[in-house]
Amino acid sequence: MGIWRKFKDYLLFRKDKENADNQYIRMMHGMNKISIFMFLIATVILLVKCVR
């Protein structure tokens, strides 16, 4: 359960109190979120094409 909660918090832009943030880490997290959303959208598109 813990890993899913962390993943959900990460996607919903919730702050992680344990880690110190600096500019580069915030930029890296932003790029990671973009790539995760793009992957999920591509997965949905592929599933829709396979079902048809």
PDB file of N, CA and C in Angstrom:
ATOM      1  N   MET A   1       0.814  -1.198   0.000  1.00  0.00           N
ATOM      2  CA  MET A   1       0.000   0.000   0.000  1.00  0.00           C
ATOM      3  C   MET A   1       0.855   1.259   0.000  1.00  0.00           C
ATOM      4  N   GLY A   2       1.989   1.217   0.649  1.00  0.00           N
ATOM      5  CA  GLY A   2       2.815   2.400   0.800  1.00  0.00           C
ATOM      6  C   GLY A   2       3.366   2.923  -0.512  1.00  0.00           C
ATOM      7  N   ILE A   3       3.764   2.003  -1.406  1.00  0.00           N
ATOM      8  CA  ILE A   3       4.347   2.452  -2.671  1.00  0.00           C
ATOM      9  C   ILE A   3       3.295   3.122  -3.548  1.00  0.00           C
ATOM     10  N   TRP A   4       2.058   2.638  -3.517  1.00  0.00           N
ATOM     11  CA  TRP A   4       0.993   3.249  -4.327  1.00  0.00           C
ATOM     12  C   TRP A   4       0.651   4.635  -3.801  1.00  0.00           C
ATOM     13  N   ARG A   5       0.687   4.806  -2.473  1.00  0.00           N
ATOM     14  CA  ARG A   5       0.413   6.118  -1.878  1.00  0.00           C
ATOM     15  C   ARG A   5       1.498   7.115  -2.286  1.00  0.00           C
ATOM     16  N   LYS A   6       2.761   6.677  -2.259  1.00  0.00           N
ATOM     17  CA  LYS A   6       3.855   7.558  -2.674  1.00  0.00           C
ATOM     18  C   LYS A   6       3.736   7.924  -4.153  1.00  0.00           C
ATOM     19  N   PHE A   7       3.370   6.949  -4.988  1.00  0.00           N
ATOM     20  CA  PHE A   7       3.206   7.199  -6.416  1.00  0.00           C
ATOM     21  C   PHE A   7       2.074   8.199  -6.667  1.00  0.00           C
ATOM     22  N   LYS A   8       0.957   8.027  -5.956  1.00  0.00           N
ATOM     23  CA  LYS A   8      -0.179   8.942  -6.091  1.00  0.00           C
ATOM     24  C   LYS A   8       0.203  10.341  -5.622  1.00  0.00           C
ATOM     25  N   ASP A   9       0.885  10.439  -4.496  1.00  0.00           N
ATOM     26  CA  ASP A   9       1.327  11.745  -3.998  1.00  0.00           C
ATOM     27  C   ASP A   9       2.292  12.403  -4.970  1.00  0.00           C
ATOM     28  N   TYR A  10       3.149  11.606  -5.596  1.00  0.00           N
ATOM     29  CA  TYR A  10       4.106  12.153  -6.558  1.00  0.00           C
ATOM     30  C   TYR A  10       3.390  12.728  -7.773  1.00  0.00           C
ATOM     31  N   LEU A  11       2.380  12.008  -8.265  1.00  0.00           N
ATOM     32  CA  LEU A  11       1.647  12.479  -9.441  1.00  0.00           C
ATOM     33  C   LEU A  11       0.760  13.678  -9.133  1.00  0.00           C
ATOM     34  N   LEU A  12       0.309  13.797  -7.892  1.00  0.00           N
ATOM     35  CA  LEU A  12      -0.576  14.898  -7.522  1.00  0.00           C
ATOM     36  C   LEU A  12       0.187  16.095  -6.983  1.00  0.00           C
ATOM     37  N   PHE A  13       1.514  16.122  -7.195  1.00  0.00           N
ATOM     38  CA  PHE A  13       2.361  17.261  -6.845  1.00  0.00           C
ATOM     39  C   PHE A  13       2.376  17.570  -5.355  1.00  0.00           C
ATOM     40  N   ARG A  14       2.281  16.544  -4.524  1.00  0.00           N
ATOM     41  CA  ARG A  14       2.367  16.769  -3.076  1.00  0.00           C
ATOM     42  C   ARG A  14       3.823  16.812  -2.661  1.00  0.00           C
ATOM     43  N   LYS A  15       4.124  17.648  -1.691  1.00  0.00           N
ATOM     44  CA  LYS A  15       5.506  17.814  -1.234  1.00  0.00           C
ATOM     45  C   LYS A  15       5.943  16.614  -0.406  1.00  0.00           C
ATOM     46  N   ASP A  16       7.190  16.206  -0.602  1.00  0.00           N
ATOM     47  CA  ASP A  16       7.829  15.182   0.214  1.00  0.00           C
ATOM     48  C   ASP A  16       8.645  15.896   1.288  1.00  0.00           C
ATOM     49  N   LYS A  17       8.249  15.784   2.519  1.00  0.00           N
ATOM     50  CA  LYS A  17       8.891  16.520   3.615  1.00  0.00           C
ATOM     51  C   LYS A  17      10.302  16.012   3.913  1.00  0.00           C
ATOM     52  N   GLU A  18      10.598  14.758   3.562  1.00  0.00           N
ATOM     53  CA  GLU A  18      11.877  14.157   3.926  1.00  0.00           C
ATOM     54  C   GLU A  18      13.031  14.672   3.074  1.00  0.00           C
ATOM     55  N   ASN A  19      12.762  15.008   1.815  1.00  0.00           N
ATOM     56  CA  ASN A  19      13.836  15.389   0.898  1.00  0.00           C
ATOM     57  C   ASN A  19      13.883  16.895   0.710  1.00  0.00           C
ATOM     58  N   ALA A  20      15.091  17.427   0.732  1.00  0.00           N
ATOM     59  CA  ALA A  20      15.268  18.857   0.487  1.00  0.00           C
ATOM     60  C   ALA A  20      15.165  19.116  -1.007  1.00  0.00           C
ATOM     61  N   ASP A  21      14.447  20.166  -1.374  1.00  0.00           N
ATOM     62  CA  ASP A  21      14.266  20.511  -2.780  1.00  0.00           C
ATOM     63  C   ASP A  21      15.216  21.616  -3.189  1.00  0.00           C
ATOM     64  N   ASN A  22      15.765  21.484  -4.355  1.00  0.00           N
ATOM     65  CA  ASN A  22      16.444  22.599  -4.973  1.00  0.00           C
ATOM     66  C   ASN A  22      15.926  22.709  -6.402  1.00  0.00           C
ATOM     67  N   GLN A  23      16.410  23.667  -7.150  1.00  0.00           N
ATOM     68  CA  GLN A  23      15.863  23.946  -8.475  1.00  0.00           C
ATOM     69  C   GLN A  23      16.007  22.749  -9.417  1.00  0.00           C
ATOM     70  N   TYR A  24      17.143  22.085  -9.397  1.00  0.00           N
ATOM     71  CA  TYR A  24      17.384  20.990 -10.329  1.00  0.00           C
ATOM     72  C   TYR A  24      16.524  19.769 -10.018  1.00  0.00           C
ATOM     73  N   ILE A  25      16.321  19.506  -8.754  1.00  0.00           N
ATOM     74  CA  ILE A  25      15.465  18.370  -8.384  1.00  0.00           C
ATOM     75  C   ILE A  25      14.026  18.650  -8.791  1.00  0.00           C
ATOM     76  N   ARG A  26      13.543  19.888  -8.602  1.00  0.00           N
ATOM     77  CA  ARG A  26      12.179  20.233  -9.036  1.00  0.00           C
ATOM     78  C   ARG A  26      12.026  20.088 -10.539  1.00  0.00           C
ATOM     79  N   MET A  27      13.032  20.521 -11.295  1.00  0.00           N
ATOM     80  CA  MET A  27      12.971  20.377 -12.752  1.00  0.00           C
ATOM     81  C   MET A  27      12.969  18.911 -13.161  1.00  0.00           C
ATOM     82  N   MET A  28      13.770  18.100 -12.489  1.00  0.00           N
ATOM     83  CA  MET A  28      13.816  16.678 -12.798  1.00  0.00           C
ATOM     84  C   MET A  28      12.472  16.015 -12.506  1.00  0.00           C
ATOM     85  N   HIS A  29      11.860  16.357 -11.376  1.00  0.00           N
ATOM     86  CA  HIS A  29      10.559  15.790 -11.040  1.00  0.00           C
ATOM     87  C   HIS A  29       9.503  16.231 -12.040  1.00  0.00           C
ATOM     88  N   GLY A  30       9.562  17.469 -12.493  1.00  0.00           N
ATOM     89  CA  GLY A  30       8.609  17.943 -13.496  1.00  0.00           C
ATOM     90  C   GLY A  30       8.732  17.169 -14.796  1.00  0.00           C
ATOM     91  N   MET A  31       9.955  16.923 -15.240  1.00  0.00           N
ATOM     92  CA  MET A  31      10.159  16.141 -16.467  1.00  0.00           C
ATOM     93  C   MET A  31       9.710  14.698 -16.280  1.00  0.00           C
ATOM     94  N   ASN A  32       9.937  14.138 -15.112  1.00  0.00           N
ATOM     95  CA  ASN A  32       9.481  12.774 -14.842  1.00  0.00           C
ATOM     96  C   ASN A  32       7.964  12.689 -14.887  1.00  0.00           C
ATOM     97  N   LYS A  33       7.276  13.679 -14.336  1.00  0.00           N
ATOM     98  CA  LYS A  33       5.812  13.676 -14.359  1.00  0.00           C
ATOM     99  C   LYS A  33       5.284  13.771 -15.781  1.00  0.00           C
ATOM    100  N   ILE A  34       5.925  14.605 -16.609  1.00  0.00           N
ATOM    101  CA  ILE A  34       5.521  14.708 -18.008  1.00  0.00           C
ATOM    102  C   ILE A  34       5.694  13.373 -18.715  1.00  0.00           C
ATOM    103  N   SER A  35       6.817  12.702 -18.482  1.00  0.00           N
ATOM    104  CA  SER A  35       7.055  11.422 -19.157  1.00  0.00           C
ATOM    105  C   SER A  35       6.090  10.342 -18.670  1.00  0.00           C
ATOM    106  N   ILE A  36       5.728  10.356 -17.395  1.00  0.00           N
ATOM    107  CA  ILE A  36       4.764   9.377 -16.888  1.00  0.00           C
ATOM    108  C   ILE A  36       3.401   9.607 -17.524  1.00  0.00           C
ATOM    109  N   PHE A  37       2.957  10.870 -17.616  1.00  0.00           N
ATOM    110  CA  PHE A  37       1.665  11.164 -18.241  1.00  0.00           C
ATOM    111  C   PHE A  37       1.673  10.785 -19.722  1.00  0.00           C
ATOM    112  N   MET A  38       2.766  11.043 -20.422  1.00  0.00           N
ATOM    113  CA  MET A  38       2.852  10.673 -21.830  1.00  0.00           C
ATOM    114  C   MET A  38       2.802   9.160 -21.995  1.00  0.00           C
ATOM    115  N   PHE A  39       3.467   8.434 -21.117  1.00  0.00           N
ATOM    116  CA  PHE A  39       3.436   6.977 -21.169  1.00  0.00           C
ATOM    117  C   PHE A  39       2.017   6.451 -20.932  1.00  0.00           C
ATOM    118  N   LEU A  40       1.322   7.018 -19.942  1.00  0.00           N
ATOM    119  CA  LEU A  40      -0.040   6.567 -19.666  1.00  0.00           C
ATOM    120  C   LEU A  40      -0.977   6.864 -20.830  1.00  0.00           C
ATOM    121  N   ILE A  41      -0.841   8.019 -21.444  1.00  0.00           N
ATOM    122  CA  ILE A  41      -1.681   8.369 -22.595  1.00  0.00           C
ATOM    123  C   ILE A  41      -1.394   7.422 -23.759  1.00  0.00           C
ATOM    124  N   ALA A  42      -0.117   7.145 -24.032  1.00  0.00           N
ATOM    125  CA  ALA A  42       0.236   6.224 -25.109  1.00  0.00           C
ATOM    126  C   ALA A  42      -0.282   4.819 -24.830  1.00  0.00           C
ATOM    127  N   THR A  43      -0.235   4.385 -23.580  1.00  0.00           N
ATOM    128  CA  THR A  43      -0.751   3.063 -23.215  1.00  0.00           C
ATOM    129  C   THR A  43      -2.246   2.984 -23.462  1.00  0.00           C
ATOM    130  N   VAL A  44      -2.980   4.034 -23.104  1.00  0.00           N
ATOM    131  CA  VAL A  44      -4.424   4.050 -23.330  1.00  0.00           C
ATOM    132  C   VAL A  44      -4.719   4.021 -24.825  1.00  0.00           C
ATOM    133  N   ILE A  45      -3.985   4.785 -25.611  1.00  0.00           N
ATOM    134  CA  ILE A  45      -4.194   4.797 -27.061  1.00  0.00           C
ATOM    135  C   ILE A  45      -3.932   3.413 -27.654  1.00  0.00           C
ATOM    136  N   LEU A  46      -2.861   2.765 -27.226  1.00  0.00           N
ATOM    137  CA  LEU A  46      -2.563   1.418 -27.731  1.00  0.00           C
ATOM    138  C   LEU A  46      -3.637   0.426 -27.323  1.00  0.00           C
ATOM    139  N   LEU A  47      -4.142   0.521 -26.113  1.00  0.00           N
ATOM    140  CA  LEU A  47      -5.202  -0.387 -25.690  1.00  0.00           C
ATOM    141  C   LEU A  47      -6.471  -0.173 -26.501  1.00  0.00           C
ATOM    142  N   VAL A  48      -6.799   1.073 -26.790  1.00  0.00           N
ATOM    143  CA  VAL A  48      -7.995   1.371 -27.585  1.00  0.00           C
ATOM    144  C   VAL A  48      -7.831   0.805 -28.999  1.00  0.00           C
ATOM    145  N   LYS A  49      -6.647   0.955 -29.584  1.00  0.00           N
ATOM    146  CA  LYS A  49      -6.406   0.423 -30.935  1.00  0.00           C
ATOM    147  C   LYS A  49      -6.454  -1.093 -30.954  1.00  0.00           C
ATOM    148  N   CYS A  50      -5.952  -1.731 -29.904  1.00  0.00           N
ATOM    149  CA  CYS A  50      -5.967  -3.203 -29.855  1.00  0.00           C
ATOM    150  C   CYS A  50      -7.376  -3.746 -29.670  1.00  0.00           C
ATOM    151  N   VAL A  51      -8.222  -3.024 -28.955  1.00  0.00           N
ATOM    152  CA  VAL A  51      -9.582  -3.489 -28.703  1.00  0.00           C
ATOM    153  C   VAL A  51     -10.428  -3.398 -29.967  1.00  0.00           C
ATOM    154  N   ARG A  52     -10.167  -2.393 -30.802  1.00  0.00           N
ATOM    155  CA  ARG A  52     -10.950  -2.238 -32.032  1.00  0.00           C
ATOM    156  C   ARG A  52     -10.698  -3.306 -33.017  1.00  0.00           C
TER     157      ARG A  52
END
